[in-house]
C-alpha atoms as a PDB file:
ATOM      1  CA  MET A   1       0.000   0.000   0.000  1.00  0.00           C
ATOM      2  CA  HIS A   2       1.716   3.154  -1.241  1.00  0.00           C
ATOM      3  CA  CYS A   3      -0.743   5.800  -0.110  1.00  0.00           C
ATOM      4  CA  GLY A   4       0.693   6.682   3.299  1.00  0.00           C
ATOM      5  CA  VAL A   5       1.356  10.295   2.318  1.00  0.00           C
ATOM      6  CA  TYR A   6      -2.237  10.654   1.152  1.00  0.00           C
ATOM      7  CA  PHE A   7      -3.570   9.392   4.491  1.00  0.00           C
ATOM      8  CA  PHE A   8      -1.133  11.629   6.389  1.00  0.00           C
ATOM      9  CA  ILE A   9      -2.277  14.749   4.523  1.00  0.00           C
ATOM     10  CA  ALA A  10      -5.930  13.702   4.885  1.00  0.00           C
ATOM     11  CA  ALA A  11      -5.465  13.291   8.646  1.00  0.00           C
ATOM     12  CA  LEU A  12      -3.816  16.709   8.936  1.00  0.00           C
ATOM     13  CA  SER A  13      -6.620  18.301   6.923  1.00  0.00           C
ATOM     14  CA  PHE A  14      -9.243  16.653   9.120  1.00  0.00           C
ATOM     15  CA  LEU A  15      -7.495  17.807  12.299  1.00  0.00           C
ATOM     16  CA  ALA A  16      -7.208  21.368  10.974  1.00  0.00           C
ATOM     17  CA  PHE A  17     -10.900  21.436  10.073  1.00  0.00           C
ATOM     18  CA  PHE A  18     -11.929  19.887  13.413  1.00  0.00           C
ATOM     19  CA  THR A  19      -9.724  22.316  15.343  1.00  0.00           C
ATOM     20  CA  SER A  20     -11.155  25.318  13.506  1.00  0.00           C
ATOM     21  CA  ILE A  21     -14.633  24.288  14.671  1.00  0.00           C
ATOM     22  CA  ILE A  22     -13.695  23.580  18.306  1.00  0.00           C
ATOM     23  CA  ILE A  23     -11.356  26.499  19.109  1.00  0.00           C
ATOM     24  CA  PRO A  24     -13.217  29.820  19.402  1.00  0.00           C
ATOM     25  CA  GLU A  25     -12.282  32.729  17.167  1.00  0.00           C
ATOM     26  CA  THR A  26     -10.470  35.438  19.113  1.00  0.00           C
ATOM     27  CA  SER A  27      -8.814  37.544  16.397  1.00  0.00           C
ATOM     28  CA  SER A  28     -11.061  40.587  16.866  1.00  0.00           C
ATOM     29  CA  THR A  29     -11.469  40.181  20.626  1.00  0.00           C
ATOM     30  CA  PRO A  30      -9.423  42.342  23.031  1.00  0.00           C
ATOM     31  CA  LEU A  31      -6.944  40.579  25.289  1.00  0.00           C
ATOM     32  CA  GLU A  32      -8.934  41.408  28.427  1.00  0.00           C
ATOM     33  CA  ALA A  33     -12.033  39.709  26.999  1.00  0.00           C
ATOM     34  CA  VAL A  34     -10.003  36.627  26.086  1.00  0.00           C
ATOM     35  CA  ASN A  35      -8.679  36.477  29.644  1.00  0.00           C
ATOM     36  CA  ARG A  36     -12.256  36.617  30.955  1.00  0.00           C
ATOM     37  CA  LEU A  37     -13.260  33.844  28.549  1.00  0.00           C
ATOM     38  CA  PHE A  38     -10.593  31.435  29.757  1.00  0.00           C
ATOM     39  CA  LYS A  39     -10.607  32.417  33.421  1.00  0.00           C
ATOM     40  CA  ASP A  40     -10.089  29.454  35.763  1.00  0.00           C
ATOM     41  CA  GLU A  41     -12.375  30.812  38.476  1.00  0.00           C
ATOM     42  CA  GLN A  42     -15.535  29.747  36.670  1.00  0.00           C
ATOM     43  CA  GLU A  43     -17.265  26.650  37.919  1.00  0.00           C
ATOM     44  CA  PRO A  44     -17.191  23.829  35.372  1.00  0.00           C
ATOM     45  CA  VAL A  45     -20.553  22.588  34.197  1.00  0.00           C
ATOM     46  CA  ASP A  46     -21.130  19.048  35.380  1.00  0.00           C
ATOM     47  CA  ASN A  47     -24.260  17.435  34.021  1.00  0.00           C
ATOM     48  CA  SER A  48     -23.236  13.889  34.871  1.00  0.00           C
ATOM     49  CA  ASN A  49     -25.564  13.781  37.903  1.00  0.00           C
ATOM     50  CA  ALA A  50     -28.413  15.707  36.305  1.00  0.00           C
ATOM     51  CA  GLU A  51     -31.829  14.180  36.550  1.00  0.00           C
ATOM     52  CA  THR A  52     -33.316  13.181  33.242  1.00  0.00           C
ATOM     53  CA  LYS A  53     -36.972  13.689  32.562  1.00  0.00           C
ATOM     54  CA  PRO A  54     -38.834  10.761  30.982  1.00  0.00           C
END
């Protein structure tokens, strides 16, 4: 099988596309707003023990 380079480039393209969806856009956001976005003092959302309605 001689298509290793093809699969490598396909994997990199997929990761770039996936990363562009997951990571928020911050190019036009001031640095102070970015710091507020990623502040560690916020409580993480934990829905693992949430009650589900039937």
